[in-house]
Amino acid sequence: MKRYLVGGAVRDRLLGLAVKERDWVVVGATPEEMLALGYRQVGKDFPVFLHPQTHEECALARTERKSGHGYRGFSVQAGPDVTLEDDLLRRDLTVNAIAEDEEGALIDPHGGQRDLEQRVLRHVSAAFAEDPVRILRVARFHARFASLGFRVAEETLALMRDMVAAGEADHLVPERVWQETQKALLQAQRPSVYFQTLRSCGALARVMPEIDALAGVPQRADYHPEVDSLVHTLMCVDAAARAGHDLSVRYCALVHDLGKARTPSGELPSHRMHDVRGVPLVEAFSARLRVPAALRDLAVIHTREHLLVHRVRELRPQTLLELLERMLALRDAGRFETLLAACESDARGRLGFEDCDYPQSDYLRAAAAAALEIGNAEVLAEGHSGPAIGRELKRRRIERLTQFKSQQNQQGGA
């Protein structure tokens, strides 16, 4: 029985990156022997065990044979007669097919070290084409390592195109698409590369047609010098990543302009009502990919409200109060800040505006603070009850926001 460190841990160490988790492959053992040594089995589709002390994952060396469509269409063989070379041959990319024994020696039968040095993502063998998830993984790795100068090998990109043309991408289940997309959004300095790579092989139109539909849709050049709606969307996502915002902000940035793909051609390059048109698209997109409800809800609010936020200084006090209420500003400061960050990312996701100021955020924060100066307690103390409480609270908050706007205008004039 021999144990080898494999995959991302070896790759990242060779790249000089921090190793966050370590996976091992075990050669020459049976499941019964692993259990006898104190390992705990956790794998369902194939034998994976947790080390009794470190709790790191240790998988028995295995081979895979295509037996159906999609990433689940495989028969797996794992046993003591499967060699390390057999196991490495089934892996996706050469940079992920390097093993290290317990003395530190590297086993690299497919030139992974060479491709790390040359900054190339290249498939190990033609078996790559048997698993459509690998299309998503290549795009994710490309996004993650683009800042280091990595590119996808032309022959690998060609193979990915062939897979899409053969219908393999159509068998990707929504949960796995979201899983890889979520990782790309979070792990990459420029998540845009993930979507660009998927589009370059034709997969984006299959797994996220609402995003792909934005390509080539023009916008007004005075507001959007980048013109193309997909370019703008991906610039917004990169702006959110550049600012270090969390997944909620990055997801809002990704889907907020889906409605632009539905603008009647006669209205282009203007996009009146794209906020209204976008809401059902965001809901349908989120439902299909099984996006968590908390992310979906914030994305819907941002899609619906971002245009009003951009021109918030123009709003009447009553409209301003209603906007604050819909943006959760008066009851959930955390989600309110998420929505403000998404609006900032939208403003900065434009060519030449990457570092622009966004005073709308501070204006809305100050407006929320002013509205919150008026609370239920003083209304109740004056004897209001039932529905009258809400009416009186709203009246007083509008009055306070009228004062607030006057003060803001005076400060602006000064």
Protein backbone atom coordinates (compact mmCIF):
# COMPACT_ATOMS: atom_id res chain seq x y z
CA MET A 1 0.00 0.00 0.00
CA LYS A 2 1.39 3.41 -1.03
CA ARG A 3 -0.04 6.88 -0.59
CA TYR A 4 0.53 9.84 -2.95
CA LEU A 5 -0.38 13.52 -2.69
CA VAL A 6 -2.25 14.50 -5.87
CA GLY A 7 -4.09 17.26 -7.67
CA GLY A 8 -4.40 20.84 -6.48
CA ALA A 9 -2.06 20.55 -3.51
CA VAL A 10 0.87 19.55 -5.74
CA ARG A 11 -0.05 22.06 -8.44
CA ASP A 12 -0.42 25.00 -6.06
CA ARG A 13 2.81 24.24 -4.20
CA LEU A 14 4.71 24.17 -7.48
CA LEU A 15 3.14 27.53 -8.38
CA GLY A 16 4.19 28.97 -5.03
CA LEU A 17 0.61 29.36 -3.86
CA ALA A 18 -0.81 28.53 -0.45
CA VAL A 19 -2.07 24.95 -0.20
CA LYS A 20 -5.51 24.98 1.43
CA GLU A 21 -6.37 21.27 1.38
CA ARG A 22 -4.60 18.07 0.49
CA ASP A 23 -6.00 15.05 -1.33
CA TRP A 24 -4.33 11.66 -1.51
CA VAL A 25 -4.59 8.61 -3.75
CA VAL A 26 -3.89 5.20 -2.29
CA VAL A 27 -2.45 2.41 -4.44
CA GLY A 28 -2.43 -1.29 -3.60
CA ALA A 29 -5.17 -1.40 -0.96
CA THR A 30 -8.72 -2.71 -0.66
CA PRO A 31 -11.59 -0.98 1.14
CA GLU A 32 -11.42 -3.65 3.84
CA GLU A 33 -7.74 -2.94 4.45
CA MET A 34 -8.41 0.78 4.70
CA LEU A 35 -11.15 0.23 7.26
CA ALA A 36 -8.91 -2.11 9.25
CA LEU A 37 -6.30 0.68 9.45
CA GLY A 38 -8.84 3.06 10.99
CA TYR A 39 -9.83 5.02 7.88
CA ARG A 40 -13.50 6.06 7.68
CA GLN A 41 -15.26 5.59 4.36
CA VAL A 42 -17.22 8.59 3.01
CA GLY A 43 -17.38 8.03 -0.76
CA LYS A 44 -20.59 6.76 -2.32
CA ASP A 45 -19.75 6.48 -6.02
CA PHE A 46 -16.21 5.22 -5.39
CA PRO A 47 -14.11 4.44 -2.31
CA VAL A 48 -12.98 7.62 -0.53
CA PHE A 49 -11.75 7.51 3.04
CA LEU A 50 -10.80 9.98 5.76
CA HIS A 51 -7.38 9.54 7.36
CA PRO A 52 -7.78 8.53 11.03
CA GLN A 53 -5.51 11.36 12.30
CA THR A 54 -5.47 14.17 9.72
CA HIS A 55 -9.00 13.55 8.36
CA GLU A 56 -7.67 14.34 4.87
CA GLU A 57 -9.38 12.59 1.96
CA CYS A 58 -7.70 9.46 0.64
CA ALA A 59 -9.22 7.84 -2.46
CA LEU A 60 -8.34 4.43 -3.77
CA ALA A 61 -6.68 4.59 -7.19
CA ARG A 62 -9.39 4.11 -9.82
CA THR A 63 -10.19 4.00 -13.49
CA GLU A 64 -13.36 5.21 -15.19
CA ARG A 65 -15.16 3.97 -18.28
CA LYS A 66 -17.86 5.93 -20.09
CA SER A 67 -21.23 4.18 -19.77
CA GLY A 68 -23.78 6.94 -20.45
CA HIS A 69 -24.32 10.68 -20.89
CA GLY A 70 -23.22 13.42 -18.52
CA TYR A 71 -20.82 13.44 -15.63
CA ARG A 72 -22.63 10.58 -13.88
CA GLY A 73 -22.43 8.27 -16.88
CA PHE A 74 -19.35 6.33 -15.75
CA SER A 75 -18.53 2.91 -14.42
CA VAL A 76 -15.71 3.05 -11.87
CA GLN A 77 -13.16 0.39 -11.05
CA ALA A 78 -11.08 0.72 -7.87
CA GLY A 79 -8.88 -2.02 -6.51
CA PRO A 80 -5.34 -2.96 -5.51
CA ASP A 81 -4.41 -3.72 -9.13
CA VAL A 82 -5.08 -0.15 -10.33
CA THR A 83 -1.77 1.69 -10.65
CA LEU A 84 -0.94 5.31 -9.92
CA GLU A 85 -0.41 5.86 -13.66
CA ASP A 86 -3.89 4.45 -14.35
CA ASP A 87 -5.35 6.92 -11.86
CA LEU A 88 -3.45 9.94 -13.22
CA LEU A 89 -4.52 9.12 -16.79
CA ARG A 90 -8.20 9.68 -15.96
CA ARG A 91 -7.61 13.21 -14.59
CA ASP A 92 -8.69 16.32 -16.47
CA LEU A 93 -5.62 18.55 -16.93
CA THR A 94 -1.92 17.80 -16.97
CA VAL A 95 -1.32 20.37 -14.22
CA ASN A 96 -3.73 18.37 -12.03
CA ALA A 97 -2.15 15.01 -12.91
CA ILE A 98 1.08 15.36 -10.93
CA ALA A 99 1.59 13.15 -7.88
CA GLU A 100 4.07 13.35 -5.03
CA ASP A 101 5.13 10.39 -2.92
CA GLU A 102 5.67 10.55 0.82
CA GLU A 103 9.39 11.22 0.30
CA GLY A 104 8.66 14.27 -1.87
CA ALA A 105 9.48 12.75 -5.28
CA LEU A 106 7.23 13.88 -8.14
CA ILE A 107 5.52 11.50 -10.55
CA ASP A 108 4.53 13.42 -13.68
CA PRO A 109 3.78 11.14 -16.65
CA HIS A 110 1.84 13.76 -18.66
CA GLY A 111 4.11 16.81 -18.56
CA GLY A 112 2.24 18.77 -15.92
CA GLN A 113 5.37 20.54 -14.67
CA ARG A 114 6.20 21.68 -18.19
CA ASP A 115 2.69 23.06 -18.64
CA LEU A 116 2.90 24.84 -15.28
CA GLU A 117 6.09 26.53 -16.43
CA GLN A 118 4.56 27.44 -19.80
CA ARG A 119 1.29 28.52 -18.15
CA VAL A 120 -0.88 26.19 -20.23
CA LEU A 121 -4.07 24.35 -19.28
CA ARG A 122 -4.00 21.17 -21.39
CA HIS A 123 -6.14 18.01 -21.22
CA VAL A 124 -4.45 14.75 -20.25
CA SER A 125 -6.07 12.46 -22.82
CA ALA A 126 -9.03 12.08 -25.18
CA ALA A 127 -10.99 10.73 -22.19
CA PHE A 128 -11.41 14.38 -21.21
CA ALA A 129 -14.33 14.49 -23.65
CA GLU A 130 -16.29 11.91 -21.65
CA ASP A 131 -17.11 14.29 -18.77
CA PRO A 132 -18.86 17.61 -19.55
CA VAL A 133 -18.09 18.99 -16.08
CA ARG A 134 -14.52 19.35 -17.32
CA ILE A 135 -15.67 22.17 -19.61
CA LEU A 136 -16.73 24.10 -16.51
CA ARG A 137 -13.58 23.15 -14.62
CA VAL A 138 -11.25 24.34 -17.38
CA ALA A 139 -13.11 27.66 -17.50
CA ARG A 140 -12.86 27.95 -13.71
CA PHE A 141 -9.16 27.13 -13.61
CA HIS A 142 -8.57 29.59 -16.44
CA ALA A 143 -10.30 32.34 -14.43
CA ARG A 144 -8.46 31.41 -11.26
CA PHE A 145 -5.00 31.39 -12.85
CA ALA A 146 -5.44 34.06 -15.56
CA SER A 147 -3.63 36.57 -13.35
CA LEU A 148 -0.59 34.26 -13.51
CA GLY A 149 -0.66 34.28 -17.30
CA PHE A 150 -2.34 30.92 -17.93
CA ARG A 151 -4.13 30.18 -21.19
CA VAL A 152 -6.15 27.22 -22.47
CA ALA A 153 -4.30 25.07 -25.02
CA GLU A 154 -5.80 25.38 -28.50
CA GLU A 155 -6.28 21.62 -28.78
CA THR A 156 -8.12 21.57 -25.44
CA LEU A 157 -10.39 24.45 -26.49
CA ALA A 158 -11.09 22.61 -29.75
CA LEU A 159 -12.01 19.48 -27.82
CA MET A 160 -14.35 21.51 -25.61
CA ARG A 161 -16.06 22.90 -28.73
CA ASP A 162 -16.49 19.38 -30.07
CA MET A 163 -18.04 18.30 -26.77
CA VAL A 164 -20.55 21.16 -26.90
CA ALA A 165 -21.40 20.38 -30.52
CA ALA A 166 -21.95 16.73 -29.56
CA GLY A 167 -24.49 17.78 -26.92
CA GLU A 168 -22.43 16.84 -23.86
CA ALA A 169 -22.94 20.26 -22.25
CA ASP A 170 -26.70 19.70 -22.43
CA HIS A 171 -26.33 16.94 -19.84
CA LEU A 172 -24.82 19.19 -17.17
CA VAL A 173 -27.10 19.27 -14.15
CA PRO A 174 -27.97 22.74 -12.77
CA GLU A 175 -26.47 22.09 -9.33
CA ARG A 176 -23.07 21.33 -10.85
CA VAL A 177 -23.20 24.38 -13.11
CA TRP A 178 -23.91 26.57 -10.09
CA GLN A 179 -21.24 24.85 -8.00
CA GLU A 180 -18.52 25.61 -10.56
CA THR A 181 -19.87 29.10 -11.27
CA GLN A 182 -19.92 29.95 -7.58
CA LYS A 183 -16.30 28.85 -7.22
CA ALA A 184 -15.30 30.92 -10.25
CA LEU A 185 -17.06 33.99 -8.89
CA LEU A 186 -15.31 33.63 -5.54
CA GLN A 187 -11.85 32.32 -6.42
CA ALA A 188 -10.85 34.44 -9.39
CA GLN A 189 -9.45 37.96 -9.44
CA ARG A 190 -11.20 38.29 -12.81
CA PRO A 191 -14.29 36.04 -12.82
CA SER A 192 -15.09 37.38 -16.30
CA VAL A 193 -12.53 34.93 -17.71
CA TYR A 194 -14.76 32.02 -16.65
CA PHE A 195 -17.70 33.27 -18.70
CA GLN A 196 -15.50 34.31 -21.62
CA THR A 197 -13.93 30.83 -21.76
CA LEU A 198 -17.35 29.16 -21.69
CA ARG A 199 -18.47 31.45 -24.49
CA SER A 200 -15.36 30.74 -26.56
CA CYS A 201 -16.29 27.05 -26.74
CA GLY A 202 -20.04 27.59 -27.12
CA ALA A 203 -20.96 26.31 -23.65
CA LEU A 204 -22.25 29.60 -22.24
CA ALA A 205 -25.23 29.57 -24.60
CA ARG A 206 -26.10 26.06 -23.38
CA VAL A 207 -25.76 26.47 -19.62
CA MET A 208 -26.47 30.21 -19.15
CA PRO A 209 -28.31 31.43 -22.26
CA GLU A 210 -29.54 34.55 -20.45
CA ILE A 211 -25.94 35.70 -19.98
CA ASP A 212 -24.89 34.72 -23.49
CA ALA A 213 -27.83 36.65 -24.95
CA LEU A 214 -26.26 39.94 -23.78
CA ALA A 215 -23.35 39.58 -26.23
CA GLY A 216 -23.54 42.16 -28.97
CA VAL A 217 -26.48 44.04 -27.45
CA PRO A 218 -25.52 47.74 -27.77
CA GLN A 219 -25.82 50.40 -25.07
CA ARG A 220 -25.56 54.18 -25.27
CA ALA A 221 -21.88 55.01 -25.63
CA ASP A 222 -22.21 58.20 -23.54
CA TYR A 223 -23.18 56.08 -20.52
CA HIS A 224 -21.36 52.93 -21.55
CA PRO A 225 -18.18 53.53 -23.58
CA GLU A 226 -17.70 49.74 -23.69
CA VAL A 227 -21.06 49.60 -25.60
CA ASP A 228 -21.54 45.79 -25.51
CA SER A 229 -23.93 44.66 -22.75
CA LEU A 230 -22.05 41.43 -22.01
CA VAL A 231 -18.76 43.29 -21.77
CA HIS A 232 -20.40 45.66 -19.26
CA THR A 233 -21.86 42.80 -17.23
CA LEU A 234 -18.51 41.05 -16.94
CA MET A 235 -16.80 44.33 -16.07
CA CYS A 236 -19.31 44.71 -13.22
CA VAL A 237 -18.48 41.23 -11.91
CA ASP A 238 -14.76 42.02 -12.09
CA ALA A 239 -15.35 45.34 -10.30
CA ALA A 240 -17.09 43.48 -7.47
CA ALA A 241 -14.23 40.99 -7.26
CA ARG A 242 -11.61 43.77 -7.38
CA ALA A 243 -13.29 45.45 -4.40
CA GLY A 244 -13.29 42.15 -2.47
CA HIS A 245 -17.07 41.96 -2.22
CA ASP A 246 -18.77 38.69 -1.25
CA LEU A 247 -20.69 36.25 -3.42
CA SER A 248 -23.99 38.15 -2.99
CA VAL A 249 -22.58 41.28 -4.60
CA ARG A 250 -20.86 39.34 -7.38
CA TYR A 251 -24.06 37.46 -8.20
CA CYS A 252 -26.09 40.69 -8.25
CA ALA A 253 -23.54 42.14 -10.66
CA LEU A 254 -23.76 39.10 -12.92
CA VAL A 255 -27.52 39.12 -13.45
CA HIS A 256 -28.66 42.71 -12.95
CA ASP A 257 -28.84 43.61 -16.66
CA LEU A 258 -30.40 40.45 -18.10
CA GLY A 259 -33.36 42.54 -19.21
CA LYS A 260 -31.22 44.35 -21.79
CA ALA A 261 -31.34 41.26 -23.98
CA ARG A 262 -35.13 41.73 -24.18
CA THR A 263 -35.09 45.38 -25.27
CA PRO A 264 -37.04 45.76 -28.55
CA SER A 265 -34.61 46.37 -31.40
CA GLY A 266 -36.36 49.62 -32.29
CA GLU A 267 -35.45 51.09 -28.90
CA LEU A 268 -31.73 50.28 -29.02
CA PRO A 269 -29.27 51.46 -27.84
CA SER A 270 -31.54 52.83 -25.10
CA HIS A 271 -32.79 50.31 -22.56
CA ARG A 272 -35.89 51.77 -20.99
CA MET A 273 -37.65 49.28 -18.70
CA HIS A 274 -34.76 46.81 -18.68
CA ASP A 275 -35.02 46.74 -14.89
CA VAL A 276 -38.66 45.58 -15.10
CA ARG A 277 -37.92 43.13 -17.92
CA GLY A 278 -34.97 41.77 -15.99
CA VAL A 279 -36.74 40.69 -12.80
CA PRO A 280 -38.51 37.58 -14.19
CA LEU A 281 -35.31 36.63 -16.01
CA VAL A 282 -33.32 36.78 -12.77
CA GLU A 283 -35.98 34.71 -11.02
CA ALA A 284 -36.01 32.08 -13.78
CA PHE A 285 -32.19 31.97 -14.05
CA SER A 286 -31.84 31.57 -10.27
CA ALA A 287 -34.50 28.87 -10.11
CA ARG A 288 -32.99 26.84 -12.94
CA LEU A 289 -29.47 26.87 -11.47
CA ARG A 290 -30.74 26.26 -7.93
CA VAL A 291 -29.15 29.48 -6.69
CA PRO A 292 -29.72 29.92 -2.93
CA ALA A 293 -32.84 31.94 -2.14
CA ALA A 294 -30.90 34.60 -0.21
CA LEU A 295 -28.78 35.39 -3.28
CA ARG A 296 -31.80 35.31 -5.58
CA ASP A 297 -33.77 37.73 -3.43
CA LEU A 298 -30.95 40.28 -3.30
CA ALA A 299 -30.37 39.96 -7.04
CA VAL A 300 -34.05 40.61 -7.72
CA ILE A 301 -34.02 43.74 -5.55
CA HIS A 302 -30.86 45.03 -7.19
CA THR A 303 -32.17 44.37 -10.69
CA ARG A 304 -35.42 46.16 -9.89
CA GLU A 305 -33.92 49.16 -8.08
CA HIS A 306 -30.46 49.89 -9.51
CA LEU A 307 -31.65 52.54 -11.96
CA LEU A 308 -33.41 54.49 -9.21
CA VAL A 309 -30.32 54.28 -7.01
CA HIS A 310 -28.16 55.77 -9.77
CA ARG A 311 -30.39 58.86 -9.92
CA VAL A 312 -31.40 58.94 -6.26
CA ARG A 313 -30.86 62.68 -5.85
CA GLU A 314 -33.72 63.33 -8.26
CA LEU A 315 -36.29 61.44 -6.17
CA ARG A 316 -39.08 63.09 -4.23
CA PRO A 317 -39.11 62.40 -0.46
CA GLN A 318 -41.96 59.89 -0.69
CA THR A 319 -40.28 58.01 -3.57
CA LEU A 320 -37.00 58.07 -1.65
CA LEU A 321 -38.66 56.56 1.42
CA GLU A 322 -40.30 53.83 -0.66
CA LEU A 323 -36.93 53.02 -2.27
CA LEU A 324 -35.27 52.75 1.16
CA GLU A 325 -38.02 50.39 2.29
CA ARG A 326 -37.70 48.17 -0.77
CA MET A 327 -33.91 48.08 -0.34
CA LEU A 328 -34.33 46.91 3.28
CA ALA A 329 -32.45 49.98 4.54
CA LEU A 330 -34.76 50.47 7.52
CA ARG A 331 -34.65 46.88 8.78
CA ASP A 332 -31.56 45.03 7.51
CA ALA A 333 -28.39 47.13 7.35
CA GLY A 334 -26.28 44.21 6.13
CA ARG A 335 -28.38 43.46 3.06
CA PHE A 336 -28.76 47.19 2.39
CA GLU A 337 -24.95 47.49 2.24
CA THR A 338 -24.81 44.52 -0.14
CA LEU A 339 -27.20 46.26 -2.50
CA LEU A 340 -25.22 49.50 -2.34
CA ALA A 341 -22.03 47.59 -3.14
CA ALA A 342 -23.77 45.99 -6.13
CA CYS A 343 -24.82 49.41 -7.42
CA GLU A 344 -21.26 50.70 -7.02
CA SER A 345 -19.99 47.69 -8.98
CA ASP A 346 -22.47 48.51 -11.74
CA ALA A 347 -21.26 52.11 -11.92
CA ARG A 348 -17.60 51.01 -11.99
CA GLY A 349 -18.15 48.24 -14.52
CA ARG A 350 -17.76 50.70 -17.39
CA LEU A 351 -14.82 51.51 -19.62
CA GLY A 352 -12.98 54.48 -18.13
CA PHE A 353 -15.11 54.53 -14.96
CA GLU A 354 -13.41 51.69 -13.08
CA ASP A 355 -12.40 53.97 -10.19
CA CYS A 356 -15.22 56.50 -10.30
CA ASP A 357 -16.75 57.96 -7.15
CA TYR A 358 -20.23 56.79 -6.24
CA PRO A 359 -21.76 59.41 -3.90
CA GLN A 360 -25.19 57.76 -4.19
CA SER A 361 -24.17 55.25 -1.50
CA ASP A 362 -23.40 57.86 1.15
CA TYR A 363 -26.51 59.80 0.17
CA LEU A 364 -28.71 56.74 0.70
CA ARG A 365 -26.97 55.86 3.97
CA ALA A 366 -27.61 59.37 5.25
CA ALA A 367 -31.22 59.26 4.06
CA ALA A 368 -31.76 55.94 5.86
CA ALA A 369 -30.28 57.36 9.05
CA ALA A 370 -32.60 60.37 8.80
CA ALA A 371 -35.67 58.20 8.26
CA LEU A 372 -34.73 55.98 11.20
CA GLU A 373 -34.71 59.02 13.50
CA ILE A 374 -38.49 58.63 13.42
CA GLY A 375 -39.51 55.45 15.22
CA ASN A 376 -42.65 53.68 16.39
CA ALA A 377 -42.18 54.70 20.02
CA GLU A 378 -43.00 58.38 19.61
CA VAL A 379 -45.97 57.58 17.36
CA LEU A 380 -47.35 55.14 19.93
CA ALA A 381 -46.75 57.62 22.73
CA GLU A 382 -49.11 60.06 21.05
CA GLY A 383 -51.93 57.51 21.12
CA HIS A 384 -51.93 56.22 17.54
CA SER A 385 -52.98 52.60 17.14
CA GLY A 386 -53.67 49.99 14.47
CA PRO A 387 -53.16 50.99 10.83
CA ALA A 388 -52.85 54.62 11.93
CA ILE A 389 -49.39 53.83 13.34
CA GLY A 390 -47.99 52.95 9.93
CA ARG A 391 -49.64 55.92 8.23
CA GLU A 392 -48.33 58.38 10.79
CA LEU A 393 -44.86 56.83 10.78
CA LYS A 394 -44.70 57.17 6.99
CA ARG A 395 -45.97 60.77 7.10
CA ARG A 396 -43.32 61.80 9.62
CA ARG A 397 -40.53 60.02 7.78
CA ILE A 398 -41.49 61.75 4.54
CA GLU A 399 -41.44 65.04 6.41
CA ARG A 400 -37.99 64.23 7.79
CA LEU A 401 -36.69 63.24 4.35
CA THR A 402 -38.03 66.54 2.98
CA GLN A 403 -35.82 68.32 5.52
CA PHE A 404 -32.96 65.98 4.64
CA LYS A 405 -33.19 66.77 0.93
CA SER A 406 -33.30 70.48 1.66
CA GLN A 407 -30.16 70.19 3.77
CA GLN A 408 -28.42 68.16 1.06
CA ASN A 409 -29.33 70.72 -1.58
CA GLN A 410 -28.02 73.55 0.58
CA GLN A 411 -24.75 71.70 1.15
CA GLY A 412 -24.48 71.03 -2.59
CA GLY A 413 -25.09 74.70 -3.35
CA ALA A 414 -22.49 75.79 -0.82
